[in-house]
N, C-alpha and C. Protein backbone atom coordinates (compact mmCIF):
# COMPACT_ATOMS: atom_id res chain seq x y z
N MET A 1 -6.68 51.06 -7.65
CA MET A 1 -6.65 49.61 -7.94
C MET A 1 -5.19 49.16 -8.16
N SER A 2 -4.81 48.07 -7.50
CA SER A 2 -3.43 47.60 -7.59
C SER A 2 -3.15 47.00 -8.95
N THR A 3 -1.84 46.90 -9.26
CA THR A 3 -1.45 46.29 -10.55
C THR A 3 -1.87 44.83 -10.60
N GLN A 4 -1.87 44.15 -9.44
CA GLN A 4 -2.29 42.75 -9.43
C GLN A 4 -3.77 42.63 -9.76
N GLU A 5 -4.59 43.52 -9.19
CA GLU A 5 -6.02 43.51 -9.50
C GLU A 5 -6.26 43.80 -10.98
N LEU A 6 -5.46 44.71 -11.53
CA LEU A 6 -5.56 44.99 -12.96
C LEU A 6 -5.22 43.76 -13.79
N SER A 7 -4.21 43.01 -13.34
CA SER A 7 -3.82 41.78 -14.05
C SER A 7 -4.95 40.76 -14.05
N TYR A 8 -5.65 40.66 -12.91
CA TYR A 8 -6.77 39.71 -12.83
C TYR A 8 -7.92 40.12 -13.76
N GLN A 9 -8.02 41.40 -14.06
CA GLN A 9 -9.07 41.88 -14.95
C GLN A 9 -8.58 42.02 -16.39
N SER A 10 -7.32 41.65 -16.61
CA SER A 10 -6.75 41.75 -17.96
C SER A 10 -7.47 40.79 -18.92
N PRO A 11 -7.71 41.23 -20.15
CA PRO A 11 -8.32 40.34 -21.15
C PRO A 11 -7.54 39.03 -21.32
N ILE A 12 -6.22 39.11 -21.18
CA ILE A 12 -5.39 37.90 -21.31
C ILE A 12 -5.77 36.88 -20.24
N TYR A 13 -5.82 37.34 -18.99
CA TYR A 13 -6.17 36.45 -17.87
C TYR A 13 -7.59 35.93 -18.02
N LEU A 14 -8.51 36.82 -18.31
CA LEU A 14 -9.93 36.43 -18.42
C LEU A 14 -10.16 35.52 -19.61
N ASP A 15 -9.47 35.79 -20.72
CA ASP A 15 -9.63 34.94 -21.92
C ASP A 15 -9.17 33.51 -21.63
N TYR A 16 -8.02 33.39 -20.96
CA TYR A 16 -7.50 32.04 -20.70
C TYR A 16 -8.48 31.25 -19.83
N PHE A 17 -8.93 31.86 -18.74
CA PHE A 17 -9.79 31.12 -17.82
C PHE A 17 -11.25 31.08 -18.25
N SER A 18 -11.55 31.67 -19.41
CA SER A 18 -12.88 31.50 -19.97
C SER A 18 -12.98 30.19 -20.76
N ILE A 19 -11.82 29.60 -21.04
CA ILE A 19 -11.79 28.29 -21.72
C ILE A 19 -12.30 27.23 -20.74
N SER A 20 -13.09 26.30 -21.24
CA SER A 20 -13.65 25.24 -20.40
C SER A 20 -12.56 24.50 -19.63
N ASP A 21 -12.87 24.16 -18.38
CA ASP A 21 -11.88 23.52 -17.50
C ASP A 21 -11.25 22.27 -18.12
N ASN A 22 -12.05 21.49 -18.83
CA ASN A 22 -11.57 20.22 -19.38
C ASN A 22 -11.04 20.33 -20.81
N ALA A 23 -11.03 21.53 -21.34
CA ALA A 23 -10.53 21.72 -22.72
C ALA A 23 -9.02 21.92 -22.68
N TYR A 24 -8.32 20.86 -22.30
CA TYR A 24 -6.88 20.97 -22.06
C TYR A 24 -6.09 21.32 -23.32
N ALA A 25 -6.44 20.70 -24.42
CA ALA A 25 -5.73 20.99 -25.67
C ALA A 25 -5.93 22.44 -26.09
N ALA A 26 -7.15 22.96 -25.89
CA ALA A 26 -7.43 24.36 -26.25
C ALA A 26 -6.65 25.31 -25.34
N LYS A 27 -6.54 24.97 -24.07
CA LYS A 27 -5.76 25.80 -23.14
C LYS A 27 -4.29 25.84 -23.55
N ILE A 28 -3.76 24.67 -23.90
CA ILE A 28 -2.35 24.60 -24.31
C ILE A 28 -2.12 25.44 -25.57
N LEU A 29 -2.99 25.29 -26.55
CA LEU A 29 -2.86 26.04 -27.80
C LEU A 29 -2.94 27.54 -27.54
N TRP A 30 -3.89 27.94 -26.68
CA TRP A 30 -4.05 29.37 -26.38
C TRP A 30 -2.81 29.90 -25.66
N TYR A 31 -2.35 29.16 -24.67
CA TYR A 31 -1.18 29.59 -23.90
C TYR A 31 0.03 29.76 -24.82
N GLU A 32 0.29 28.77 -25.65
CA GLU A 32 1.48 28.80 -26.49
C GLU A 32 1.40 29.85 -27.60
N SER A 33 0.20 30.38 -27.82
CA SER A 33 0.02 31.45 -28.79
C SER A 33 0.08 32.84 -28.14
N HIS A 34 0.11 32.88 -26.80
CA HIS A 34 0.06 34.18 -26.10
C HIS A 34 1.13 34.28 -25.02
N VAL A 35 2.24 33.60 -25.22
CA VAL A 35 3.29 33.56 -24.19
C VAL A 35 3.79 34.97 -23.85
N LYS A 36 4.04 35.79 -24.84
CA LYS A 36 4.58 37.13 -24.58
C LYS A 36 3.61 37.99 -23.78
N GLN A 37 2.33 37.92 -24.12
CA GLN A 37 1.34 38.71 -23.39
C GLN A 37 1.19 38.24 -21.95
N ILE A 38 1.31 36.93 -21.75
CA ILE A 38 1.19 36.37 -20.40
C ILE A 38 2.33 36.86 -19.52
N GLN A 39 3.52 37.01 -20.09
CA GLN A 39 4.67 37.45 -19.31
C GLN A 39 4.52 38.87 -18.78
N ASN A 40 3.61 39.65 -19.36
CA ASN A 40 3.38 41.03 -18.92
C ASN A 40 2.45 41.12 -17.71
N LEU A 41 1.85 40.00 -17.33
CA LEU A 41 0.95 40.01 -16.18
C LEU A 41 1.73 40.09 -14.88
N ASN A 42 1.05 40.44 -13.82
CA ASN A 42 1.64 40.44 -12.49
C ASN A 42 1.97 39.01 -12.06
N ASP A 43 2.83 38.85 -11.06
CA ASP A 43 3.35 37.53 -10.69
C ASP A 43 2.25 36.50 -10.41
N ARG A 44 1.32 36.83 -9.54
CA ARG A 44 0.32 35.84 -9.13
C ARG A 44 -0.62 35.43 -10.27
N PRO A 45 -1.24 36.35 -10.99
CA PRO A 45 -2.08 35.94 -12.13
C PRO A 45 -1.30 35.15 -13.18
N LYS A 46 -0.07 35.59 -13.45
CA LYS A 46 0.77 34.87 -14.41
C LYS A 46 1.04 33.45 -13.92
N ALA A 47 1.33 33.31 -12.63
CA ALA A 47 1.61 31.98 -12.07
C ALA A 47 0.39 31.07 -12.18
N GLU A 48 -0.80 31.62 -11.96
CA GLU A 48 -2.02 30.82 -12.04
C GLU A 48 -2.22 30.26 -13.46
N ILE A 49 -1.96 31.10 -14.45
CA ILE A 49 -2.08 30.63 -15.84
C ILE A 49 -1.01 29.58 -16.13
N GLU A 50 0.21 29.83 -15.71
CA GLU A 50 1.31 28.88 -15.97
C GLU A 50 1.06 27.55 -15.29
N LEU A 51 0.53 27.60 -14.07
CA LEU A 51 0.24 26.36 -13.35
C LEU A 51 -0.86 25.57 -14.05
N ASP A 52 -1.91 26.27 -14.44
CA ASP A 52 -3.01 25.58 -15.13
C ASP A 52 -2.55 25.00 -16.46
N TYR A 53 -1.71 25.72 -17.16
CA TYR A 53 -1.14 25.23 -18.42
C TYR A 53 -0.31 23.97 -18.19
N THR A 54 0.51 24.02 -17.13
CA THR A 54 1.36 22.86 -16.81
C THR A 54 0.51 21.63 -16.50
N LEU A 55 -0.56 21.82 -15.74
CA LEU A 55 -1.46 20.70 -15.43
C LEU A 55 -2.14 20.19 -16.70
N SER A 56 -2.43 21.08 -17.63
CA SER A 56 -3.04 20.67 -18.90
C SER A 56 -2.10 19.78 -19.70
N LEU A 57 -0.81 20.06 -19.62
CA LEU A 57 0.17 19.21 -20.32
C LEU A 57 0.07 17.77 -19.84
N PHE A 58 -0.12 17.60 -18.55
CA PHE A 58 -0.25 16.25 -17.99
C PHE A 58 -1.48 15.56 -18.56
N HIS A 59 -2.59 16.29 -18.61
CA HIS A 59 -3.86 15.68 -19.03
C HIS A 59 -3.86 15.25 -20.49
N VAL A 60 -3.03 15.87 -21.33
CA VAL A 60 -2.98 15.47 -22.74
C VAL A 60 -1.84 14.48 -23.01
N GLY A 61 -1.14 14.06 -21.96
CA GLY A 61 -0.11 13.04 -22.12
C GLY A 61 1.25 13.55 -22.53
N ARG A 62 1.50 14.85 -22.37
CA ARG A 62 2.84 15.38 -22.69
C ARG A 62 3.68 15.29 -21.42
N TYR A 63 4.01 14.05 -21.06
CA TYR A 63 4.61 13.75 -19.75
C TYR A 63 6.01 14.32 -19.60
N ASN A 64 6.82 14.18 -20.60
CA ASN A 64 8.21 14.69 -20.48
C ASN A 64 8.23 16.21 -20.36
N GLN A 65 7.32 16.87 -21.07
CA GLN A 65 7.24 18.32 -20.96
C GLN A 65 6.75 18.73 -19.58
N PHE A 66 5.80 17.97 -19.04
CA PHE A 66 5.31 18.27 -17.68
C PHE A 66 6.45 18.12 -16.67
N ILE A 67 7.22 17.04 -16.80
CA ILE A 67 8.34 16.81 -15.88
C ILE A 67 9.32 17.98 -15.93
N ALA A 68 9.60 18.46 -17.14
CA ALA A 68 10.54 19.58 -17.30
C ALA A 68 10.02 20.86 -16.64
N GLN A 69 8.70 21.03 -16.66
CA GLN A 69 8.12 22.26 -16.12
C GLN A 69 7.74 22.16 -14.64
N ALA A 70 7.65 20.94 -14.14
CA ALA A 70 7.13 20.75 -12.78
C ALA A 70 7.99 21.43 -11.72
N ASP A 71 9.31 21.24 -11.78
CA ASP A 71 10.18 21.81 -10.74
C ASP A 71 10.13 23.33 -10.70
N PRO A 72 10.23 24.03 -11.85
CA PRO A 72 10.08 25.49 -11.80
C PRO A 72 8.73 25.92 -11.24
N MET A 73 7.67 25.17 -11.55
CA MET A 73 6.35 25.51 -11.03
C MET A 73 6.27 25.27 -9.53
N ILE A 74 6.90 24.19 -9.05
CA ILE A 74 6.92 23.91 -7.62
C ILE A 74 7.67 25.02 -6.87
N GLU A 75 8.79 25.46 -7.44
CA GLU A 75 9.54 26.57 -6.84
C GLU A 75 8.70 27.84 -6.81
N LYS A 76 7.94 28.08 -7.87
CA LYS A 76 7.10 29.27 -7.93
C LYS A 76 5.99 29.19 -6.90
N VAL A 77 5.41 28.03 -6.72
CA VAL A 77 4.36 27.83 -5.72
C VAL A 77 4.89 28.14 -4.32
N ILE A 78 6.10 27.67 -4.05
CA ILE A 78 6.71 27.90 -2.73
C ILE A 78 7.06 29.38 -2.56
N ASP A 79 7.70 29.97 -3.56
CA ASP A 79 8.14 31.37 -3.48
C ASP A 79 6.97 32.32 -3.31
N GLN A 80 5.88 32.05 -4.04
CA GLN A 80 4.73 32.96 -4.01
C GLN A 80 3.66 32.52 -3.01
N ASN A 81 3.96 31.45 -2.28
CA ASN A 81 3.04 30.97 -1.24
C ASN A 81 1.64 30.70 -1.82
N ILE A 82 1.62 30.02 -2.94
CA ILE A 82 0.34 29.65 -3.57
C ILE A 82 -0.10 28.31 -2.98
N MET A 83 -1.10 28.36 -2.15
CA MET A 83 -1.54 27.15 -1.44
C MET A 83 -2.48 26.29 -2.28
N GLU A 84 -3.38 26.95 -3.01
CA GLU A 84 -4.41 26.21 -3.75
C GLU A 84 -4.58 26.77 -5.15
N LEU A 85 -5.05 25.89 -6.04
CA LEU A 85 -5.48 26.29 -7.37
C LEU A 85 -6.69 25.42 -7.71
N HIS A 86 -7.79 26.07 -8.04
CA HIS A 86 -9.06 25.36 -8.31
C HIS A 86 -9.48 24.50 -7.11
N GLY A 87 -9.21 25.00 -5.91
CA GLY A 87 -9.65 24.29 -4.71
C GLY A 87 -8.80 23.10 -4.32
N GLU A 88 -7.66 22.90 -4.98
CA GLU A 88 -6.78 21.76 -4.68
C GLU A 88 -5.43 22.26 -4.15
N ASP A 89 -4.80 21.44 -3.33
CA ASP A 89 -3.45 21.72 -2.87
C ASP A 89 -2.52 21.61 -4.07
N ILE A 90 -2.10 22.75 -4.60
CA ILE A 90 -1.37 22.75 -5.87
C ILE A 90 0.03 22.15 -5.72
N TYR A 91 0.63 22.30 -4.56
CA TYR A 91 1.97 21.72 -4.34
C TYR A 91 1.90 20.20 -4.44
N GLN A 92 0.96 19.60 -3.74
CA GLN A 92 0.83 18.15 -3.78
C GLN A 92 0.34 17.68 -5.15
N LYS A 93 -0.51 18.48 -5.78
CA LYS A 93 -1.01 18.12 -7.11
C LYS A 93 0.13 18.03 -8.12
N LEU A 94 1.02 18.99 -8.09
CA LEU A 94 2.17 18.97 -9.00
C LEU A 94 3.06 17.75 -8.73
N LEU A 95 3.29 17.48 -7.45
CA LEU A 95 4.13 16.32 -7.10
C LEU A 95 3.48 15.01 -7.54
N PHE A 96 2.19 14.88 -7.29
CA PHE A 96 1.49 13.64 -7.66
C PHE A 96 1.51 13.44 -9.17
N ASN A 97 1.22 14.51 -9.91
CA ASN A 97 1.24 14.39 -11.37
C ASN A 97 2.65 14.10 -11.89
N LYS A 98 3.65 14.65 -11.22
CA LYS A 98 5.03 14.36 -11.61
C LYS A 98 5.34 12.88 -11.39
N ALA A 99 4.89 12.35 -10.27
CA ALA A 99 5.07 10.91 -10.00
C ALA A 99 4.36 10.07 -11.06
N ALA A 100 3.17 10.49 -11.45
CA ALA A 100 2.42 9.78 -12.49
C ALA A 100 3.14 9.85 -13.83
N CYS A 101 3.75 10.99 -14.11
CA CYS A 101 4.52 11.14 -15.36
C CYS A 101 5.72 10.20 -15.37
N TYR A 102 6.43 10.14 -14.26
CA TYR A 102 7.56 9.22 -14.16
C TYR A 102 7.09 7.77 -14.34
N TYR A 103 5.95 7.44 -13.75
CA TYR A 103 5.40 6.09 -13.89
C TYR A 103 5.07 5.80 -15.35
N ASN A 104 4.43 6.76 -16.01
CA ASN A 104 4.01 6.56 -17.40
C ASN A 104 5.17 6.54 -18.38
N THR A 105 6.32 7.02 -17.93
CA THR A 105 7.52 6.97 -18.78
C THR A 105 8.51 5.91 -18.27
N ASN A 106 7.99 4.97 -17.46
CA ASN A 106 8.76 3.81 -16.96
C ASN A 106 9.96 4.19 -16.09
N GLN A 107 9.86 5.32 -15.40
CA GLN A 107 10.89 5.72 -14.45
C GLN A 107 10.36 5.45 -13.03
N PHE A 108 10.27 4.17 -12.71
CA PHE A 108 9.54 3.75 -11.53
C PHE A 108 10.20 4.19 -10.22
N GLU A 109 11.51 4.17 -10.16
CA GLU A 109 12.19 4.55 -8.92
C GLU A 109 11.96 6.03 -8.59
N LEU A 110 11.98 6.88 -9.60
CA LEU A 110 11.71 8.30 -9.38
C LEU A 110 10.26 8.51 -8.97
N SER A 111 9.36 7.77 -9.59
CA SER A 111 7.95 7.86 -9.23
C SER A 111 7.74 7.42 -7.79
N LEU A 112 8.38 6.32 -7.40
CA LEU A 112 8.22 5.79 -6.05
C LEU A 112 8.74 6.77 -5.00
N HIS A 113 9.86 7.40 -5.29
CA HIS A 113 10.44 8.36 -4.34
C HIS A 113 9.45 9.48 -4.02
N ILE A 114 8.81 10.01 -5.04
CA ILE A 114 7.84 11.10 -4.84
C ILE A 114 6.61 10.59 -4.11
N LEU A 115 6.13 9.42 -4.49
CA LEU A 115 4.91 8.89 -3.87
C LEU A 115 5.10 8.60 -2.39
N LEU A 116 6.27 8.11 -2.02
CA LEU A 116 6.55 7.86 -0.60
C LEU A 116 6.57 9.17 0.18
N GLU A 117 7.09 10.22 -0.43
CA GLU A 117 7.09 11.54 0.21
C GLU A 117 5.65 12.06 0.37
N LEU A 118 4.83 11.84 -0.65
CA LEU A 118 3.43 12.27 -0.57
C LEU A 118 2.67 11.51 0.52
N CYS A 119 2.96 10.22 0.65
CA CYS A 119 2.33 9.43 1.71
C CYS A 119 2.73 9.94 3.09
N LYS A 120 3.96 10.44 3.19
CA LYS A 120 4.43 11.02 4.45
C LYS A 120 3.69 12.34 4.72
N MET A 121 3.51 13.14 3.67
CA MET A 121 2.83 14.43 3.83
C MET A 121 1.37 14.26 4.24
N ASP A 122 0.71 13.30 3.59
CA ASP A 122 -0.72 13.10 3.85
C ASP A 122 -0.98 11.60 4.01
N SER A 123 -0.75 11.13 5.21
CA SER A 123 -0.82 9.68 5.48
C SER A 123 -2.23 9.10 5.33
N GLY A 124 -3.24 9.96 5.32
CA GLY A 124 -4.61 9.48 5.19
C GLY A 124 -5.13 9.49 3.77
N ASN A 125 -4.31 9.88 2.82
CA ASN A 125 -4.75 9.98 1.44
C ASN A 125 -4.72 8.60 0.76
N LYS A 126 -5.89 8.07 0.45
CA LYS A 126 -5.99 6.72 -0.12
C LYS A 126 -5.44 6.66 -1.55
N LEU A 127 -5.61 7.76 -2.28
CA LEU A 127 -5.09 7.78 -3.66
C LEU A 127 -3.58 7.64 -3.67
N TYR A 128 -2.89 8.38 -2.80
CA TYR A 128 -1.44 8.29 -2.72
C TYR A 128 -1.01 6.87 -2.36
N LYS A 129 -1.67 6.30 -1.36
CA LYS A 129 -1.30 4.96 -0.89
C LYS A 129 -1.55 3.90 -1.97
N THR A 130 -2.69 4.02 -2.66
CA THR A 130 -3.02 3.03 -3.70
C THR A 130 -2.01 3.07 -4.84
N PHE A 131 -1.68 4.29 -5.28
CA PHE A 131 -0.71 4.43 -6.38
C PHE A 131 0.67 3.99 -5.93
N CYS A 132 1.04 4.35 -4.70
CA CYS A 132 2.34 3.95 -4.17
C CYS A 132 2.44 2.43 -4.08
N ALA A 133 1.36 1.79 -3.62
CA ALA A 133 1.34 0.33 -3.52
C ALA A 133 1.48 -0.32 -4.90
N LYS A 134 0.89 0.31 -5.91
CA LYS A 134 1.00 -0.21 -7.28
C LYS A 134 2.45 -0.19 -7.77
N VAL A 135 3.13 0.92 -7.52
CA VAL A 135 4.53 1.03 -7.94
C VAL A 135 5.42 0.10 -7.11
N LEU A 136 5.13 0.00 -5.82
CA LEU A 136 5.90 -0.90 -4.96
C LEU A 136 5.72 -2.36 -5.38
N ARG A 137 4.53 -2.70 -5.83
CA ARG A 137 4.30 -4.07 -6.29
C ARG A 137 5.17 -4.37 -7.51
N LEU A 138 5.28 -3.42 -8.43
CA LEU A 138 6.16 -3.61 -9.58
C LEU A 138 7.60 -3.80 -9.13
N ASP A 139 8.01 -3.01 -8.15
CA ASP A 139 9.36 -3.11 -7.61
C ASP A 139 9.57 -4.45 -6.90
N SER A 140 8.53 -4.91 -6.21
CA SER A 140 8.65 -6.15 -5.45
C SER A 140 8.77 -7.38 -6.35
N TYR A 141 8.23 -7.29 -7.57
CA TYR A 141 8.36 -8.42 -8.48
C TYR A 141 9.82 -8.75 -8.74
N ARG A 142 10.65 -7.71 -8.81
CA ARG A 142 12.08 -7.95 -9.03
C ARG A 142 12.72 -8.60 -7.80
N LYS A 143 12.23 -8.22 -6.62
CA LYS A 143 12.81 -8.75 -5.38
C LYS A 143 12.40 -10.19 -5.11
N TYR A 144 11.18 -10.54 -5.54
CA TYR A 144 10.66 -11.86 -5.19
C TYR A 144 10.40 -12.74 -6.41
N ASP A 145 10.99 -12.40 -7.54
CA ASP A 145 10.79 -13.18 -8.77
C ASP A 145 11.29 -14.61 -8.64
N ARG A 146 12.40 -14.80 -7.92
CA ARG A 146 12.99 -16.13 -7.83
C ARG A 146 12.04 -17.11 -7.15
N LEU A 147 11.43 -16.67 -6.05
CA LEU A 147 10.50 -17.53 -5.33
C LEU A 147 9.27 -17.83 -6.17
N LYS A 148 8.75 -16.82 -6.84
CA LYS A 148 7.59 -17.02 -7.71
C LYS A 148 7.95 -17.95 -8.87
N GLY A 149 9.14 -17.77 -9.43
CA GLY A 149 9.57 -18.63 -10.53
C GLY A 149 9.70 -20.08 -10.10
N PHE A 150 10.17 -20.29 -8.86
CA PHE A 150 10.28 -21.65 -8.33
C PHE A 150 8.90 -22.29 -8.22
N ALA A 151 7.92 -21.54 -7.74
CA ALA A 151 6.55 -22.06 -7.60
C ALA A 151 5.95 -22.38 -8.96
N LEU A 152 6.15 -21.50 -9.93
CA LEU A 152 5.62 -21.74 -11.27
C LEU A 152 6.29 -22.95 -11.91
N GLY A 153 7.57 -23.16 -11.61
CA GLY A 153 8.26 -24.35 -12.10
C GLY A 153 7.65 -25.62 -11.54
N MET A 154 7.25 -25.59 -10.27
CA MET A 154 6.60 -26.75 -9.65
C MET A 154 5.24 -27.02 -10.29
N ILE A 155 4.52 -25.95 -10.65
CA ILE A 155 3.22 -26.12 -11.31
C ILE A 155 3.41 -26.76 -12.69
N LEU A 156 4.42 -26.32 -13.41
CA LEU A 156 4.70 -26.91 -14.73
C LEU A 156 5.07 -28.38 -14.61
N ALA A 157 5.86 -28.69 -13.57
CA ALA A 157 6.24 -30.09 -13.35
C ALA A 157 5.01 -30.93 -13.05
N ALA A 158 4.09 -30.39 -12.25
CA ALA A 158 2.85 -31.11 -11.92
C ALA A 158 2.01 -31.32 -13.18
N LEU A 159 1.97 -30.32 -14.06
CA LEU A 159 1.20 -30.46 -15.30
C LEU A 159 1.79 -31.54 -16.20
N LEU A 160 3.11 -31.60 -16.25
CA LEU A 160 3.77 -32.66 -17.04
C LEU A 160 3.44 -34.04 -16.48
N ILE A 161 3.43 -34.14 -15.16
CA ILE A 161 3.09 -35.41 -14.51
C ILE A 161 1.65 -35.80 -14.85
N ILE A 162 0.75 -34.80 -14.86
CA ILE A 162 -0.65 -35.09 -15.20
C ILE A 162 -0.76 -35.62 -16.62
N ILE A 163 0.00 -35.02 -17.55
CA ILE A 163 -0.03 -35.49 -18.94
C ILE A 163 0.46 -36.93 -19.04
N VAL A 164 1.59 -37.21 -18.36
CA VAL A 164 2.13 -38.58 -18.36
C VAL A 164 1.14 -39.54 -17.71
N GLU A 165 0.51 -39.05 -16.64
CA GLU A 165 -0.47 -39.89 -15.93
C GLU A 165 -1.62 -40.28 -16.84
N ILE A 166 -2.12 -39.31 -17.61
CA ILE A 166 -3.26 -39.58 -18.50
C ILE A 166 -2.86 -40.49 -19.65
N LEU A 167 -1.70 -40.22 -20.24
CA LEU A 167 -1.30 -40.95 -21.44
C LEU A 167 -0.68 -42.31 -21.16
N LEU A 168 -0.02 -42.45 -20.00
CA LEU A 168 0.77 -43.66 -19.77
C LEU A 168 0.38 -44.40 -18.49
N ILE A 169 0.38 -43.71 -17.37
CA ILE A 169 0.21 -44.38 -16.08
C ILE A 169 -1.15 -45.05 -15.96
N ARG A 170 -2.22 -44.34 -16.31
CA ARG A 170 -3.57 -44.89 -16.13
C ARG A 170 -3.95 -45.93 -17.19
N THR A 171 -3.11 -46.09 -18.20
CA THR A 171 -3.41 -47.08 -19.25
C THR A 171 -2.47 -48.28 -19.20
N LEU A 172 -1.18 -48.03 -18.98
CA LEU A 172 -0.20 -49.11 -19.07
C LEU A 172 0.51 -49.42 -17.75
N MET A 173 0.56 -48.45 -16.84
CA MET A 173 1.33 -48.63 -15.61
C MET A 173 0.45 -48.31 -14.40
N THR A 174 -0.66 -49.01 -14.29
CA THR A 174 -1.67 -48.70 -13.27
C THR A 174 -1.15 -48.85 -11.83
N THR A 175 -0.12 -49.63 -11.63
CA THR A 175 0.40 -49.82 -10.26
C THR A 175 1.05 -48.56 -9.72
N TYR A 176 1.35 -47.61 -10.61
CA TYR A 176 2.00 -46.36 -10.18
C TYR A 176 1.02 -45.20 -10.01
N ILE A 177 -0.27 -45.50 -10.16
CA ILE A 177 -1.27 -44.41 -10.11
C ILE A 177 -1.20 -43.66 -8.78
N GLU A 178 -1.21 -44.36 -7.68
CA GLU A 178 -1.26 -43.69 -6.37
C GLU A 178 -0.01 -42.85 -6.08
N PRO A 179 1.19 -43.39 -6.27
CA PRO A 179 2.37 -42.53 -6.01
C PRO A 179 2.47 -41.35 -6.97
N VAL A 180 2.03 -41.53 -8.21
CA VAL A 180 2.05 -40.42 -9.17
C VAL A 180 1.05 -39.35 -8.75
N GLU A 181 -0.15 -39.76 -8.34
CA GLU A 181 -1.16 -38.81 -7.87
C GLU A 181 -0.63 -38.04 -6.66
N LEU A 182 -0.02 -38.77 -5.74
CA LEU A 182 0.51 -38.15 -4.54
C LEU A 182 1.59 -37.11 -4.89
N THR A 183 2.47 -37.49 -5.81
CA THR A 183 3.57 -36.59 -6.21
C THR A 183 3.04 -35.29 -6.81
N ARG A 184 2.11 -35.42 -7.76
CA ARG A 184 1.61 -34.20 -8.41
C ARG A 184 0.76 -33.37 -7.47
N ASN A 185 0.05 -34.02 -6.54
CA ASN A 185 -0.73 -33.25 -5.56
C ASN A 185 0.19 -32.48 -4.59
N ILE A 186 1.30 -33.13 -4.21
CA ILE A 186 2.27 -32.45 -3.35
C ILE A 186 2.88 -31.26 -4.07
N LEU A 187 3.24 -31.45 -5.34
CA LEU A 187 3.82 -30.36 -6.12
C LEU A 187 2.85 -29.18 -6.24
N LEU A 188 1.59 -29.50 -6.56
CA LEU A 188 0.60 -28.43 -6.70
C LEU A 188 0.35 -27.73 -5.37
N GLY A 189 0.21 -28.52 -4.31
CA GLY A 189 -0.04 -27.95 -3.00
C GLY A 189 1.10 -27.05 -2.54
N CYS A 190 2.32 -27.52 -2.74
CA CYS A 190 3.50 -26.72 -2.33
C CYS A 190 3.63 -25.45 -3.17
N SER A 191 3.34 -25.57 -4.47
CA SER A 191 3.46 -24.40 -5.34
C SER A 191 2.45 -23.33 -4.95
N PHE A 192 1.21 -23.72 -4.65
CA PHE A 192 0.20 -22.74 -4.25
C PHE A 192 0.55 -22.13 -2.89
N ALA A 193 1.10 -22.95 -2.00
CA ALA A 193 1.51 -22.43 -0.70
C ALA A 193 2.64 -21.41 -0.85
N ILE A 194 3.58 -21.70 -1.76
CA ILE A 194 4.70 -20.78 -2.01
C ILE A 194 4.19 -19.48 -2.61
N LEU A 195 3.24 -19.57 -3.56
CA LEU A 195 2.67 -18.37 -4.16
C LEU A 195 1.95 -17.52 -3.11
N ALA A 196 1.22 -18.19 -2.22
CA ALA A 196 0.51 -17.46 -1.16
C ALA A 196 1.52 -16.80 -0.22
N TRP A 197 2.58 -17.52 0.13
CA TRP A 197 3.64 -16.97 0.97
C TRP A 197 4.32 -15.78 0.29
N ASN A 198 4.55 -15.93 -1.01
CA ASN A 198 5.18 -14.85 -1.78
C ASN A 198 4.29 -13.60 -1.79
N GLU A 199 2.99 -13.80 -1.98
CA GLU A 199 2.06 -12.67 -1.99
C GLU A 199 2.03 -12.00 -0.62
N TRP A 200 2.06 -12.78 0.45
CA TRP A 200 2.08 -12.21 1.80
C TRP A 200 3.34 -11.38 2.02
N LYS A 201 4.48 -11.88 1.53
CA LYS A 201 5.73 -11.14 1.66
C LYS A 201 5.67 -9.81 0.90
N ILE A 202 5.05 -9.86 -0.29
CA ILE A 202 4.92 -8.63 -1.08
C ILE A 202 4.04 -7.62 -0.34
N GLN A 203 2.92 -8.10 0.22
CA GLN A 203 2.03 -7.20 0.96
C GLN A 203 2.74 -6.58 2.16
N MET A 204 3.52 -7.39 2.86
CA MET A 204 4.25 -6.87 4.01
C MET A 204 5.32 -5.87 3.59
N TYR A 205 5.96 -6.16 2.47
CA TYR A 205 6.98 -5.25 1.93
C TYR A 205 6.36 -3.89 1.59
N ILE A 206 5.20 -3.93 0.92
CA ILE A 206 4.51 -2.70 0.55
C ILE A 206 4.10 -1.91 1.78
N ARG A 207 3.50 -2.59 2.75
CA ARG A 207 3.05 -1.92 3.97
C ARG A 207 4.23 -1.32 4.74
N ARG A 208 5.30 -2.06 4.80
CA ARG A 208 6.49 -1.59 5.55
C ARG A 208 7.09 -0.35 4.88
N LYS A 209 7.16 -0.36 3.55
CA LYS A 209 7.75 0.77 2.84
C LYS A 209 6.92 2.04 3.02
N ILE A 210 5.60 1.88 2.96
CA ILE A 210 4.72 3.05 3.05
C ILE A 210 4.71 3.61 4.48
N THR A 211 4.62 2.73 5.47
CA THR A 211 4.51 3.19 6.86
C THR A 211 5.83 3.64 7.45
N SER A 212 6.95 3.21 6.88
CA SER A 212 8.25 3.57 7.44
C SER A 212 8.73 4.93 6.97
N HIS A 213 8.02 5.55 6.02
CA HIS A 213 8.44 6.85 5.51
C HIS A 213 7.56 7.96 6.10
């Protein structure tokens, strides 16, 4: 029997993976209490425990710790040619979770960079595209804020006109009712048209960014 097979039958390996799949906090506690014993395992069994532990960090919200561990784990996956863990592409799983960690810690540009790469790797993955579009939309707000702000300003102006119309025009200055109505309707119509145009530009920006990578 090879040393690797012995490692897979080791009480340390079996004890760790006997913990329920969703008991992430218990896995983390167990791992951190048995670090020295885990280091004595063969490369592949040890890597499987380390990878599962790293994924558990993500699930309990220890995002900065996951980010710190993600790159060494990605290197280990590549070096040891570990294609899957628990039936999932572990390389892409680590990258996706890293992007989510960057997002959850407000590091949107780093998150976007990884998500665009994932969309390139698996162009048919709806989860990657949906998350990427979400981050791109946040980024697009900065690019198109001025146009949106202009439209919202027109809406506020129209609302002020409506208030004046109700309090003053329709009671004391009835001869101005029609031009005032026309003015506020034009303002509202133009503002909604600008908002629709702005949304279309954002959608095109998102689609272009995803498909061009």
